[in-house]
N, C-alpha and C. Protein backbone atom coordinates (compact mmCIF):
# COMPACT_ATOMS: atom_id res chain seq x y z
N UNK A 1 -87.53 256.78 90.55
CA UNK A 1 -86.93 256.91 91.76
C UNK A 1 -87.33 255.38 92.95
N UNK A 2 -86.08 255.01 93.10
CA UNK A 2 -85.99 254.12 93.85
C UNK A 2 -86.50 254.00 95.15
N UNK A 3 -87.21 253.08 95.88
CA UNK A 3 -88.24 252.90 96.91
C UNK A 3 -87.33 252.66 98.16
N UNK A 4 -87.23 252.80 99.11
CA UNK A 4 -86.55 252.62 100.17
C UNK A 4 -87.23 251.55 100.13
N UNK A 5 -86.72 250.58 101.41
CA UNK A 5 -86.91 249.08 101.89
C UNK A 5 -86.47 249.14 103.49
N UNK A 6 -87.50 248.08 103.99
CA UNK A 6 -87.20 248.15 105.45
C UNK A 6 -87.83 246.58 106.05
N UNK A 7 -87.33 246.42 106.98
CA UNK A 7 -87.62 244.87 107.66
C UNK A 7 -88.46 245.41 109.21
N UNK A 8 -89.44 244.65 109.48
CA UNK A 8 -90.21 245.26 110.67
C UNK A 8 -90.08 244.36 111.55
N UNK A 9 -89.79 244.37 112.79
CA UNK A 9 -89.33 243.57 113.98
C UNK A 9 -90.64 243.17 115.01
N UNK A 10 -91.22 242.47 115.05
CA UNK A 10 -92.19 242.29 116.01
C UNK A 10 -91.77 241.34 117.02
N UNK A 11 -92.15 241.73 118.17
CA UNK A 11 -92.06 240.59 119.48
C UNK A 11 -93.36 240.58 120.31
N UNK A 12 -94.11 239.36 120.26
CA UNK A 12 -95.23 239.60 120.71
C UNK A 12 -94.76 238.62 122.34
N UNK A 13 -95.01 239.26 123.46
CA UNK A 13 -94.85 238.40 124.92
C UNK A 13 -95.49 237.63 125.01
N UNK A 14 -94.84 236.42 125.91
CA UNK A 14 -95.86 235.62 126.12
C UNK A 14 -96.85 235.89 127.31
N UNK A 15 -98.11 235.40 127.10
CA UNK A 15 -99.09 235.69 127.73
C UNK A 15 -99.56 234.46 128.60
N UNK A 16 -99.21 233.57 127.82
CA UNK A 16 -100.00 231.82 128.40
C UNK A 16 -100.40 231.27 127.26
N UNK A 17 -100.42 229.98 127.62
CA UNK A 17 -101.15 228.97 126.28
C UNK A 17 -102.38 229.25 125.70
N UNK A 18 -103.20 229.35 126.68
CA UNK A 18 -104.56 229.89 126.11
C UNK A 18 -105.20 231.01 125.88
N UNK A 19 -103.99 231.82 125.57
CA UNK A 19 -104.56 233.65 124.86
C UNK A 19 -103.52 233.60 123.61
N UNK A 20 -103.66 232.50 122.73
CA UNK A 20 -103.37 232.87 121.27
C UNK A 20 -104.15 234.49 120.63
N UNK A 21 -105.19 234.57 121.27
CA UNK A 21 -106.09 236.03 120.89
C UNK A 21 -104.98 237.41 120.86
N UNK A 22 -104.92 237.03 122.18
CA UNK A 22 -103.90 238.44 122.56
C UNK A 22 -102.63 238.58 122.19
N UNK A 23 -102.15 237.32 121.95
CA UNK A 23 -101.04 237.34 121.20
C UNK A 23 -100.83 237.97 119.66
N UNK A 24 -102.13 236.95 118.74
CA UNK A 24 -102.39 237.81 117.91
C UNK A 24 -102.33 239.08 117.51
N UNK A 25 -102.83 240.39 118.37
CA UNK A 25 -103.36 241.23 118.58
C UNK A 25 -102.50 241.98 119.09
N UNK A 26 -101.74 241.36 119.57
CA UNK A 26 -100.33 242.25 119.82
C UNK A 26 -99.29 241.92 118.17
N UNK A 27 -99.45 241.01 117.74
CA UNK A 27 -98.58 241.16 116.58
C UNK A 27 -99.36 242.02 115.39
N UNK A 28 -100.46 242.03 115.49
CA UNK A 28 -101.22 242.67 114.45
C UNK A 28 -101.22 244.07 114.99
N UNK A 29 -101.38 244.52 116.30
CA UNK A 29 -101.32 246.07 116.69
C UNK A 29 -99.74 246.46 115.89
N UNK A 30 -98.67 245.85 116.51
CA UNK A 30 -97.66 246.30 116.01
C UNK A 30 -97.09 246.32 114.25
N UNK A 31 -98.01 245.26 113.65
CA UNK A 31 -97.55 245.41 112.28
C UNK A 31 -98.29 246.68 111.97
N UNK A 32 -99.41 246.81 112.20
CA UNK A 32 -100.31 248.43 111.55
C UNK A 32 -99.35 249.19 111.97
N UNK A 33 -98.95 249.47 113.31
CA UNK A 33 -98.10 250.81 113.44
C UNK A 33 -96.97 250.84 112.80
N UNK A 34 -96.04 249.55 112.32
CA UNK A 34 -95.20 249.50 112.01
C UNK A 34 -95.49 249.96 110.15
N UNK A 35 -95.98 249.82 109.47
CA UNK A 35 -96.91 249.59 108.51
C UNK A 35 -97.10 251.31 108.36
N UNK A 36 -97.86 251.52 109.00
CA UNK A 36 -98.04 253.26 109.11
C UNK A 36 -96.73 254.17 108.77
N UNK A 37 -95.92 253.94 109.66
CA UNK A 37 -94.76 254.31 109.61
C UNK A 37 -93.75 254.50 108.17
N UNK A 38 -93.69 253.25 108.09
CA UNK A 38 -93.59 252.89 106.63
C UNK A 38 -93.92 253.47 105.56
N UNK A 39 -95.12 253.35 105.43
CA UNK A 39 -95.94 254.62 104.30
C UNK A 39 -95.71 255.71 104.70
N UNK A 40 -95.68 256.02 106.00
CA UNK A 40 -95.32 257.83 105.87
C UNK A 40 -93.85 257.87 105.25
N UNK A 41 -93.18 257.07 105.14
CA UNK A 41 -91.51 257.18 104.76
C UNK A 41 -91.73 256.49 103.62
N UNK A 42 -92.68 256.49 102.51
CA UNK A 42 -92.87 255.64 101.61
C UNK A 42 -91.71 254.53 101.43
N UNK A 43 -92.09 253.84 102.15
CA UNK A 43 -90.91 252.75 102.15
C UNK A 43 -91.49 251.11 102.25
N UNK A 44 -91.32 250.59 101.11
CA UNK A 44 -91.66 248.93 101.51
C UNK A 44 -91.36 248.52 102.37
N UNK A 45 -92.14 247.65 103.34
CA UNK A 45 -91.39 246.51 104.00
C UNK A 45 -91.36 245.20 103.40
N UNK A 46 -90.29 244.65 103.19
CA UNK A 46 -89.93 243.29 102.45
C UNK A 46 -89.85 242.27 103.18
N UNK A 47 -89.19 242.56 104.61
CA UNK A 47 -89.23 240.88 105.41
C UNK A 47 -89.73 241.55 106.87
N UNK A 48 -90.67 240.56 107.33
CA UNK A 48 -91.20 240.81 108.74
C UNK A 48 -90.60 239.73 109.49
N UNK A 49 -89.84 240.23 111.18
CA UNK A 49 -89.35 238.81 111.84
C UNK A 49 -90.34 239.04 112.91
N UNK A 50 -90.82 237.62 113.34
CA UNK A 50 -91.63 238.03 114.36
C UNK A 50 -91.22 237.03 115.37
N UNK A 51 -90.78 237.44 116.87
CA UNK A 51 -90.38 237.01 118.19
C UNK A 51 -91.50 236.80 119.28
N UNK A 52 -91.85 235.31 119.47
CA UNK A 52 -92.78 235.26 120.69
C UNK A 52 -91.60 235.11 122.04
N UNK A 53 -92.05 235.55 122.83
CA UNK A 53 -91.65 235.39 124.39
C UNK A 53 -91.21 236.84 124.66
N UNK A 54 -90.58 236.73 125.71
CA UNK A 54 -89.79 238.00 126.35
C UNK A 54 -88.51 238.18 126.41
N UNK A 55 -88.04 239.06 126.12
CA UNK A 55 -86.65 239.51 125.86
C UNK A 55 -85.95 238.89 126.77
N UNK A 56 -84.77 238.49 126.37
CA UNK A 56 -83.21 237.77 126.57
C UNK A 56 -82.15 238.21 126.27
N UNK A 57 -80.95 237.95 126.41
CA UNK A 57 -79.84 238.10 126.41
C UNK A 57 -79.76 237.97 124.75
N UNK A 58 -78.87 239.01 124.11
CA UNK A 58 -78.86 238.60 122.32
C UNK A 58 -78.22 237.82 122.00
N UNK A 59 -77.21 236.83 122.72
CA UNK A 59 -76.55 235.52 122.01
C UNK A 59 -77.99 234.55 122.33
N UNK A 60 -78.82 234.71 123.33
CA UNK A 60 -80.01 233.55 123.54
C UNK A 60 -81.64 234.08 122.64
N UNK A 61 -81.34 235.05 121.12
CA UNK A 61 -82.59 235.07 120.56
C UNK A 61 -82.34 235.14 119.29
N UNK A 62 -82.66 233.71 118.71
CA UNK A 62 -82.39 233.45 117.69
C UNK A 62 -83.08 234.28 116.57
N UNK A 63 -84.36 234.40 116.82
CA UNK A 63 -84.59 235.64 115.49
C UNK A 63 -84.18 236.84 115.32
N UNK A 64 -83.70 237.72 116.62
CA UNK A 64 -83.06 238.92 116.18
C UNK A 64 -81.19 238.44 115.43
N UNK A 65 -81.09 237.55 116.04
CA UNK A 65 -79.85 237.43 115.48
C UNK A 65 -79.62 237.08 114.03
N UNK A 66 -80.93 236.16 113.45
CA UNK A 66 -80.86 235.81 112.18
C UNK A 66 -81.37 237.33 111.07
N UNK A 67 -82.06 238.45 112.07
CA UNK A 67 -82.26 239.92 111.24
C UNK A 67 -80.77 240.36 111.19
N UNK A 68 -80.37 240.12 112.05
CA UNK A 68 -78.93 240.93 112.17
C UNK A 68 -77.96 240.80 111.31
N UNK A 69 -77.81 239.35 111.24
CA UNK A 69 -77.13 238.60 110.09
C UNK A 69 -77.59 238.69 108.74
N UNK A 70 -78.86 238.63 108.26
CA UNK A 70 -79.25 238.80 106.97
C UNK A 70 -79.38 240.12 106.63
N UNK A 71 -79.33 241.13 107.70
CA UNK A 71 -79.20 242.80 107.25
C UNK A 71 -77.58 243.06 106.72
N UNK A 72 -76.49 242.06 107.54
CA UNK A 72 -75.21 242.55 107.16
C UNK A 72 -74.77 241.74 105.64
N UNK A 73 -75.50 240.55 105.77
CA UNK A 73 -75.50 240.18 103.82
C UNK A 73 -75.79 240.85 103.44
N UNK A 74 -77.25 241.17 102.93
CA UNK A 74 -77.83 242.31 102.13
C UNK A 74 -77.69 243.59 101.50
N UNK A 75 -77.23 244.37 103.01
CA UNK A 75 -76.85 245.78 102.84
C UNK A 75 -77.70 246.53 101.65
N UNK A 76 -78.90 246.22 101.53
CA UNK A 76 -80.15 246.90 100.87
C UNK A 76 -81.21 247.11 101.56
N UNK A 77 -80.98 247.62 102.82
CA UNK A 77 -82.31 247.49 103.72
C UNK A 77 -81.85 249.08 104.22
N UNK A 78 -82.83 249.90 104.37
CA UNK A 78 -82.41 251.22 104.81
C UNK A 78 -83.06 251.55 106.01
N UNK A 79 -84.37 250.78 106.60
CA UNK A 79 -84.72 250.94 108.01
C UNK A 79 -84.90 249.54 108.70
N UNK A 80 -84.82 249.58 109.82
CA UNK A 80 -85.55 248.85 110.78
C UNK A 80 -86.69 249.13 111.40
N UNK A 81 -87.74 248.89 111.56
CA UNK A 81 -88.82 249.26 112.20
C UNK A 81 -89.46 248.10 112.95
N UNK A 82 -89.37 248.82 114.45
CA UNK A 82 -90.08 247.96 115.24
C UNK A 82 -90.88 249.21 116.33
N UNK A 83 -91.85 248.60 116.75
CA UNK A 83 -92.72 249.29 117.78
C UNK A 83 -92.22 250.02 118.70
N UNK A 84 -91.36 249.52 119.74
CA UNK A 84 -90.72 250.32 120.59
C UNK A 84 -89.60 250.17 120.80
N UNK A 85 -88.50 250.85 121.68
CA UNK A 85 -87.43 250.14 121.94
C UNK A 85 -87.23 248.78 122.86
N UNK A 86 -88.45 248.49 123.62
CA UNK A 86 -88.34 247.57 124.34
C UNK A 86 -88.61 245.81 123.57
N UNK A 87 -89.12 246.04 122.77
CA UNK A 87 -89.23 245.12 121.57
C UNK A 87 -88.23 244.47 121.02
N UNK A 88 -87.43 245.27 120.77
CA UNK A 88 -85.72 244.60 120.69
C UNK A 88 -85.10 244.47 121.59
N UNK A 89 -85.35 245.08 122.75
CA UNK A 89 -84.28 244.80 124.08
C UNK A 89 -84.66 245.49 125.33
N UNK A 90 -84.62 245.12 126.26
CA UNK A 90 -84.43 245.46 127.27
C UNK A 90 -83.35 245.91 128.06
N UNK A 91 -82.30 245.44 128.01
CA UNK A 91 -81.41 245.38 128.23
C UNK A 91 -80.24 246.61 127.48
N UNK A 92 -79.81 247.67 127.82
CA UNK A 92 -79.30 249.00 127.56
C UNK A 92 -78.04 248.80 126.35
N UNK A 93 -77.13 247.45 126.84
CA UNK A 93 -75.95 247.37 126.25
C UNK A 93 -76.75 246.50 124.94
N UNK A 94 -77.53 245.26 125.34
CA UNK A 94 -78.17 244.47 124.35
C UNK A 94 -78.79 245.52 123.07
N UNK A 95 -79.51 246.61 123.28
CA UNK A 95 -80.26 247.68 122.36
C UNK A 95 -78.97 248.21 121.58
N UNK A 96 -78.19 248.90 122.69
CA UNK A 96 -76.67 249.33 122.12
C UNK A 96 -76.55 248.27 120.78
N UNK A 97 -75.81 247.35 121.01
CA UNK A 97 -75.35 246.05 120.28
C UNK A 97 -76.31 245.90 118.98
N UNK A 98 -77.26 245.94 119.36
CA UNK A 98 -78.36 245.83 118.12
C UNK A 98 -78.31 247.00 117.24
N UNK A 99 -78.21 248.30 118.10
CA UNK A 99 -78.48 249.08 116.60
C UNK A 99 -77.07 249.13 116.37
N UNK A 100 -75.89 248.96 116.84
CA UNK A 100 -74.72 249.24 115.99
C UNK A 100 -74.39 248.15 114.83
N UNK A 101 -75.21 246.85 115.16
CA UNK A 101 -75.18 245.90 114.02
C UNK A 101 -76.17 246.38 113.07
N UNK A 102 -77.16 246.78 113.17
CA UNK A 102 -78.19 247.66 112.08
C UNK A 102 -77.37 248.71 111.63
N UNK A 103 -76.84 250.08 112.01
CA UNK A 103 -75.87 250.73 111.54
C UNK A 103 -74.72 250.43 110.55
N UNK A 104 -74.22 249.08 111.29
CA UNK A 104 -73.11 248.90 110.39
C UNK A 104 -73.29 247.90 109.10
N UNK A 105 -74.53 247.44 109.32
CA UNK A 105 -75.24 247.46 108.21
C UNK A 105 -75.75 248.26 106.71
N UNK A 106 -75.72 249.17 107.30
CA UNK A 106 -75.89 250.53 106.47
C UNK A 106 -77.64 250.98 106.38
N UNK A 107 -78.38 249.89 107.44
CA UNK A 107 -79.83 250.55 107.65
C UNK A 107 -79.82 251.32 109.08
N UNK A 108 -81.06 252.10 109.33
CA UNK A 108 -81.66 253.10 110.40
C UNK A 108 -82.53 252.36 111.52
N UNK A 109 -82.62 252.41 112.34
CA UNK A 109 -83.49 251.95 113.52
C UNK A 109 -84.75 253.20 113.59
N UNK A 110 -85.71 252.53 113.39
CA UNK A 110 -86.86 253.55 113.47
C UNK A 110 -87.83 252.99 114.45
N UNK A 111 -89.00 253.75 115.25
CA UNK A 111 -89.85 253.34 116.45
C UNK A 111 -91.14 254.09 116.01
N UNK A 112 -92.04 252.74 115.86
CA UNK A 112 -93.06 252.99 115.42
C UNK A 112 -94.09 253.77 116.21
N UNK A 113 -93.66 253.81 117.71
CA UNK A 113 -94.63 254.25 118.26
C UNK A 113 -94.06 255.67 119.23
N UNK A 114 -92.98 256.11 118.38
CA UNK A 114 -92.94 257.38 118.59
C UNK A 114 -91.28 257.58 118.91
């Protein structure tokens, strides 16, 4: 039986230059939640994308753009897992565009926070 494959998207908000421990804790918590969801689906996380800073318009987010481009090229990913919708986008139009690209690549967007 073939195991499904997922990518994990993590975004750690910018909290200040001297707060590296806070950023690492954000990344770790999102990674753990994403891995827990992947485990429950019996899915392997094959790639992890980590973006630092706040959300911006889609055209100004190179990590998200790279993830979407690689999904479109590979077409072998079943799921994109992220902690919550606001990790990918705050604007509804951007989230809709991201989700459309994910679906076009044959994958499904899942949220680890519920």
